[in-house]
Amino acid sequence: MDRQAEDDRMTGQVLDGTLAGAVLPDAVVRALAQQLNAGELRQIQPDDVNARSANAWLRGAGIFVKLYARPEHAAAERAVAAALGGLLDGGELPGAGQYAVFAWQDLVPPPWTTETAARAASLLNTVHATDPPAGLRRREASEDVFGALLERFAREAPDVHAEHQANLTGTTTRDVVRAAARVETPDVLLHGDFSLRNIGVRRDGGYALFDFERACTGFAEFDLERIWDRELASIDGGRTEFVDALDVRPDEALLNYARLVCALTTVMGARRTRDENFEREGRARLEALC
């Protein structure tokens, strides 16, 4: 997940971008239900702190409605969902923001097993084989891009930057960035926040991938940046099963670059949301990579 291109501007919408699980005003819920001719809508509140979102989720008869804090996230997810065949409706509720409507699915979190690792890879194969919709932002690896990220990291997490500055600006890190920049590989459609947290198991045993609001384009290894060091590292044999199920074996240089970028953006994201657990995760990745 690359959040380095995001800023903190909001657009006067009802959602302010915080991860507080804000309760929507009843008037907004009623207006959205009326616009969708959906009868009654009920807002869903996450029951897990790790499932918090800046967006609002609502459920109606057979539908799931997502009201976005950021219009660019709405545009990305609607475009990808349309390409993959999962979008029912989408638009803007005046004064509230952009929304998308999907068919409701009863999903439960997947077990952290080697079978799940392989199934996750199969889902990712489908995404990467899909032609990217027009208008998605592009991620890339270059010394200029990484340099800009480091400058932002120094501003947003100055203490962590000072702690790791020697390594982040040293020969090893420069070699990682330069090696990735030299690799020529085609861009693919990226999920943008790929992890087991965005995969669910249906009642029929099938696996479903959701939450495409950070979809973009770039090299495939960007989609491994989070799952590689979190879930797959925690599953005995998870990385092996995952790689074996991928259509294209990951390039080591690109994977190392993606993991390094993810470590930095994880710390920055944690600072913005004041999530101490998330920051510890990012710090641990930095220490392991640097």
Protein backbone atom coordinates (compact mmCIF):
# COMPACT_ATOMS: atom_id res chain seq x y z
CA MET A 1 0.00 0.00 0.00
CA ASP A 2 1.69 3.36 -1.15
CA ARG A 3 0.16 6.34 0.59
CA GLN A 4 3.01 8.72 -0.17
CA ALA A 5 1.06 10.53 -2.91
CA GLU A 6 -1.90 11.24 -0.62
CA ASP A 7 -2.39 14.50 1.19
CA ASP A 8 -4.63 15.42 4.08
CA ARG A 9 -7.09 17.60 2.19
CA MET A 10 -10.76 16.77 2.56
CA THR A 11 -13.53 18.13 0.38
CA GLY A 12 -16.21 19.26 2.79
CA GLN A 13 -17.81 15.83 2.88
CA VAL A 14 -19.62 14.36 5.86
CA LEU A 15 -16.61 12.10 6.55
CA ASP A 16 -13.42 13.81 7.71
CA GLY A 17 -10.92 11.05 6.94
CA THR A 18 -10.24 9.91 10.51
CA LEU A 19 -10.31 6.25 11.51
CA ALA A 20 -12.90 6.79 14.20
CA GLY A 21 -15.72 4.78 12.69
CA ALA A 22 -17.87 7.92 12.64
CA VAL A 23 -21.61 7.46 12.99
CA LEU A 24 -23.41 9.04 10.05
CA PRO A 25 -26.24 11.47 10.77
CA ASP A 26 -29.64 9.81 10.37
CA ALA A 27 -30.51 12.37 7.71
CA VAL A 28 -27.56 11.25 5.57
CA VAL A 29 -28.49 7.57 5.89
CA ARG A 30 -32.11 8.32 4.93
CA ALA A 31 -31.07 10.49 2.00
CA LEU A 32 -28.73 7.81 0.68
CA ALA A 33 -31.41 5.13 1.02
CA GLN A 34 -33.86 7.34 -0.83
CA GLN A 35 -31.40 8.11 -3.64
CA LEU A 36 -30.73 4.39 -4.06
CA ASN A 37 -34.40 3.46 -3.69
CA ALA A 38 -33.05 0.91 -1.24
CA GLY A 39 -35.70 0.97 1.46
CA GLU A 40 -33.86 0.93 4.76
CA LEU A 41 -30.10 1.20 5.19
CA ARG A 42 -28.25 0.39 8.39
CA GLN A 43 -24.73 1.59 9.12
CA ILE A 44 -22.21 -1.13 9.98
CA GLN A 45 -19.67 -0.42 12.70
CA PRO A 46 -16.43 -2.45 12.68
CA ASP A 47 -16.09 -4.81 15.65
CA ASP A 48 -12.29 -4.97 15.36
CA VAL A 49 -9.92 -2.05 15.84
CA ASN A 50 -7.90 -3.32 12.86
CA ALA A 51 -10.99 -3.00 10.66
CA ARG A 52 -11.45 0.70 11.29
CA SER A 53 -11.93 2.77 8.17
CA ALA A 54 -12.17 6.41 7.18
CA ASN A 55 -15.19 5.39 5.12
CA ALA A 56 -18.71 4.53 6.21
CA TRP A 57 -20.29 1.16 5.50
CA LEU A 58 -24.01 0.51 5.22
CA ARG A 59 -26.14 -2.55 4.60
CA GLY A 60 -29.49 -2.79 2.89
CA ALA A 61 -31.57 -5.60 1.44
CA GLY A 62 -28.98 -7.63 -0.44
CA ILE A 63 -26.58 -4.71 -0.85
CA PHE A 64 -23.46 -3.24 0.71
CA VAL A 65 -22.98 0.52 0.37
CA LYS A 66 -19.67 2.28 0.89
CA LEU A 67 -19.58 6.05 1.45
CA TYR A 68 -16.05 7.37 0.87
CA ALA A 69 -14.02 9.94 2.72
CA ARG A 70 -11.94 10.58 -0.42
CA PRO A 71 -13.49 10.97 -3.88
CA GLU A 72 -10.37 9.60 -5.59
CA HIS A 73 -10.76 6.37 -3.65
CA ALA A 74 -14.37 6.11 -4.77
CA ALA A 75 -13.38 6.62 -8.39
CA ALA A 76 -10.65 3.97 -8.22
CA GLU A 77 -12.78 1.33 -6.54
CA ARG A 78 -15.78 1.88 -8.78
CA ALA A 79 -13.61 1.62 -11.89
CA VAL A 80 -11.96 -1.63 -10.78
CA ALA A 81 -15.20 -3.15 -9.49
CA ALA A 82 -16.82 -2.44 -12.84
CA ALA A 83 -13.90 -4.12 -14.63
CA LEU A 84 -14.11 -7.16 -12.36
CA GLY A 85 -17.91 -7.34 -12.52
CA GLY A 86 -18.76 -6.47 -8.91
CA LEU A 87 -20.27 -2.97 -9.08
CA LEU A 88 -24.03 -2.52 -8.83
CA ASP A 89 -24.25 1.26 -8.64
CA GLY A 90 -22.27 4.36 -7.75
CA GLY A 91 -22.58 8.11 -7.61
CA GLU A 92 -22.56 11.12 -5.35
CA LEU A 93 -24.89 12.09 -2.55
CA PRO A 94 -24.88 15.91 -2.45
CA GLY A 95 -23.31 17.18 0.74
CA ALA A 96 -22.19 13.71 1.81
CA GLY A 97 -19.75 12.37 -0.75
CA GLN A 98 -19.15 9.63 -3.28
CA TYR A 99 -20.54 6.12 -2.82
CA ALA A 100 -20.49 2.67 -4.41
CA VAL A 101 -22.98 -0.18 -4.15
CA PHE A 102 -22.05 -3.85 -4.18
CA ALA A 103 -23.97 -7.09 -3.73
CA TRP A 104 -23.95 -8.16 -0.09
CA GLN A 105 -21.79 -11.18 0.71
CA ASP A 106 -21.64 -13.03 4.02
CA LEU A 107 -17.90 -13.28 4.59
CA VAL A 108 -15.72 -14.49 7.44
CA PRO A 109 -11.98 -13.87 7.83
CA PRO A 110 -9.81 -16.59 6.27
CA PRO A 111 -7.62 -18.82 8.43
CA TRP A 112 -3.92 -18.11 8.26
CA THR A 113 -2.92 -21.37 6.56
CA THR A 114 -0.86 -22.44 3.57
CA GLU A 115 -4.09 -23.17 1.68
CA THR A 116 -5.20 -19.58 2.26
CA ALA A 117 -1.80 -18.34 1.07
CA ALA A 118 -2.25 -20.23 -2.18
CA ARG A 119 -5.85 -19.03 -2.58
CA ALA A 120 -4.74 -15.46 -1.97
CA ALA A 121 -2.17 -15.78 -4.75
CA SER A 122 -4.86 -17.06 -7.13
CA LEU A 123 -7.02 -14.03 -6.36
CA LEU A 124 -4.06 -11.77 -7.05
CA ASN A 125 -3.40 -13.53 -10.36
CA THR A 126 -6.90 -12.55 -11.47
CA VAL A 127 -6.35 -8.91 -10.52
CA HIS A 128 -2.99 -8.66 -12.26
CA ALA A 129 -4.40 -10.27 -15.41
CA THR A 130 -7.21 -7.69 -15.64
CA ASP A 131 -6.72 -4.72 -17.94
CA PRO A 132 -6.36 -1.62 -15.74
CA PRO A 133 -9.16 0.92 -16.07
CA ALA A 134 -8.15 4.34 -17.35
CA GLY A 135 -7.30 7.06 -14.90
CA LEU A 136 -5.61 5.08 -12.12
CA ARG A 137 -2.45 6.52 -10.62
CA ARG A 138 0.83 4.81 -11.41
CA ARG A 139 3.46 3.69 -8.92
CA GLU A 140 7.09 3.36 -9.90
CA ALA A 141 10.55 2.73 -8.51
CA SER A 142 13.15 5.43 -8.99
CA GLU A 143 15.73 7.34 -7.00
CA ASP A 144 13.68 10.52 -7.33
CA VAL A 145 10.51 8.87 -6.06
CA PHE A 146 12.30 7.28 -3.13
CA GLY A 147 14.11 10.52 -2.33
CA ALA A 148 10.81 12.38 -2.16
CA LEU A 149 9.43 9.68 0.12
CA LEU A 150 12.42 10.00 2.46
CA GLU A 151 11.93 13.76 2.65
CA ARG A 152 8.31 13.28 3.62
CA PHE A 153 9.28 10.58 6.12
CA ALA A 154 11.72 13.01 7.76
CA ARG A 155 8.94 15.56 8.18
CA GLU A 156 6.26 13.20 9.44
CA ALA A 157 8.36 10.90 11.62
CA PRO A 158 11.54 12.88 12.38
CA ASP A 159 12.53 10.75 15.37
CA VAL A 160 12.30 7.48 13.45
CA HIS A 161 14.08 9.05 10.48
CA ALA A 162 16.93 10.21 12.73
CA GLU A 163 17.20 6.74 14.24
CA HIS A 164 17.56 5.06 10.83
CA GLN A 165 19.01 7.89 8.77
CA ALA A 166 22.43 6.35 8.31
CA ASN A 167 20.95 3.15 6.90
CA LEU A 168 18.19 4.85 4.88
CA THR A 169 20.73 7.01 3.08
CA GLY A 170 23.52 4.44 3.04
CA THR A 171 24.93 2.23 0.34
CA THR A 172 22.68 -0.77 0.99
CA THR A 173 19.46 1.21 0.65
CA ARG A 174 20.74 3.05 -2.42
CA ASP A 175 21.58 -0.30 -3.99
CA VAL A 176 18.03 -1.57 -3.30
CA VAL A 177 16.51 1.47 -4.97
CA ARG A 178 18.87 1.45 -7.96
CA ALA A 179 18.39 -2.29 -8.51
CA ALA A 180 14.62 -1.87 -8.60
CA ALA A 181 14.83 1.14 -10.91
CA ARG A 182 16.84 -0.89 -13.42
CA VAL A 183 14.24 -3.65 -13.74
CA GLU A 184 12.01 -3.42 -16.80
CA THR A 185 8.63 -5.03 -16.22
CA PRO A 186 5.14 -4.33 -17.53
CA ASP A 187 2.64 -2.45 -15.40
CA VAL A 188 -0.34 -4.40 -14.11
CA LEU A 189 -3.52 -3.56 -12.26
CA LEU A 190 -2.67 -3.42 -8.54
CA HIS A 191 -5.08 -3.99 -5.67
CA GLY A 192 -3.14 -1.40 -3.72
CA ASP A 193 -3.71 -2.77 -0.21
CA PHE A 194 -3.43 -6.51 -0.64
CA SER A 195 -3.49 -8.57 2.56
CA LEU A 196 -5.58 -11.27 4.20
CA ARG A 197 -7.52 -8.49 5.94
CA ASN A 198 -9.09 -7.72 2.58
CA ILE A 199 -9.98 -11.31 1.79
CA GLY A 200 -13.08 -13.11 3.05
CA VAL A 201 -14.45 -16.64 2.85
CA ARG A 202 -17.99 -17.08 1.52
CA ARG A 203 -20.49 -19.60 2.82
CA ASP A 204 -19.77 -21.85 -0.16
CA GLY A 205 -16.06 -21.92 0.74
CA GLY A 206 -15.00 -19.59 -2.03
CA TYR A 207 -12.62 -16.73 -1.39
CA ALA A 208 -13.42 -13.10 -2.20
CA LEU A 209 -11.09 -10.12 -2.48
CA PHE A 210 -12.48 -6.68 -1.68
CA ASP A 211 -11.53 -3.07 -0.87
CA PHE A 212 -10.03 -1.79 -4.14
CA GLU A 213 -10.11 1.89 -3.20
CA ARG A 214 -6.31 2.17 -3.40
CA ALA A 215 -6.11 0.44 -6.76
CA CYS A 216 -3.40 1.72 -9.07
CA THR A 217 -0.94 0.44 -11.65
CA GLY A 218 2.71 -0.54 -11.40
CA PHE A 219 4.90 -3.60 -11.06
CA ALA A 220 3.22 -6.64 -9.52
CA GLU A 221 5.55 -6.83 -6.51
CA PHE A 222 3.97 -3.70 -5.05
CA ASP A 223 0.98 -5.86 -4.14
CA LEU A 224 3.21 -8.09 -1.99
CA GLU A 225 4.61 -5.29 0.15
CA ARG A 226 2.22 -5.79 3.07
CA ILE A 227 1.24 -9.47 2.99
CA TRP A 228 4.85 -10.63 2.58
CA ASP A 229 6.06 -9.40 5.97
CA ARG A 230 2.80 -9.77 7.88
CA GLU A 231 0.61 -12.75 7.09
CA LEU A 232 2.90 -14.84 4.88
CA ALA A 233 5.78 -14.48 7.33
CA SER A 234 3.50 -15.75 10.11
CA ILE A 235 2.38 -18.88 8.21
CA ASP A 236 4.79 -21.80 8.23
CA GLY A 237 5.55 -22.29 4.56
CA GLY A 238 3.25 -19.43 3.65
CA ARG A 239 5.65 -17.58 1.38
CA THR A 240 6.54 -20.73 -0.51
CA GLU A 241 2.91 -21.72 -1.11
CA PHE A 242 2.04 -18.19 -2.14
CA VAL A 243 4.89 -17.85 -4.65
CA ASP A 244 4.23 -21.32 -6.08
CA ALA A 245 0.63 -20.30 -6.81
CA LEU A 246 1.54 -17.02 -8.52
CA ASP A 247 1.51 -16.90 -12.31
CA VAL A 248 4.74 -14.88 -12.31
CA ARG A 249 7.50 -15.36 -9.76
CA PRO A 250 8.33 -12.10 -7.89
CA ASP A 251 11.48 -10.24 -8.82
CA GLU A 252 13.70 -9.98 -5.75
CA ALA A 253 14.88 -6.43 -6.45
CA LEU A 254 11.35 -5.12 -6.92
CA LEU A 255 10.07 -6.98 -3.86
CA ASN A 256 12.82 -5.56 -1.66
CA TYR A 257 12.04 -2.05 -2.87
CA ALA A 258 8.30 -2.50 -2.27
CA ARG A 259 8.89 -3.83 1.25
CA LEU A 260 11.15 -0.89 2.10
CA VAL A 261 8.61 1.64 0.83
CA CYS A 262 5.88 -0.13 2.81
CA ALA A 263 7.90 0.11 6.02
CA LEU A 264 8.21 3.87 5.61
CA THR A 265 4.58 4.47 4.66
CA THR A 266 3.39 2.25 7.50
CA VAL A 267 5.15 4.44 10.05
CA MET A 268 3.83 7.61 8.42
CA GLY A 269 0.31 6.26 8.27
CA ALA A 270 0.51 5.28 11.93
CA ARG A 271 1.62 8.77 12.87
CA ARG A 272 -1.35 10.32 11.09
CA THR A 273 -3.84 7.97 12.75
CA ARG A 274 -1.99 7.75 16.09
CA ASP A 275 -2.01 3.97 15.85
CA GLU A 276 0.75 2.69 18.13
CA ASN A 277 0.40 -0.94 17.05
CA PHE A 278 0.65 0.03 13.39
CA GLU A 279 3.73 2.11 14.12
CA ARG A 280 5.41 -0.78 15.93
CA GLU A 281 4.78 -2.92 12.87
CA GLY A 282 6.39 -0.33 10.61
CA ARG A 283 9.36 0.14 12.92
CA ALA A 284 9.94 -3.61 13.08
CA ARG A 285 9.99 -3.77 9.29
CA LEU A 286 12.46 -0.91 9.08
CA GLU A 287 14.78 -2.59 11.56
CA ALA A 288 14.62 -5.85 9.65
CA LEU A 289 15.24 -4.22 6.27
CA CYS A 290 17.79 -1.63 7.31
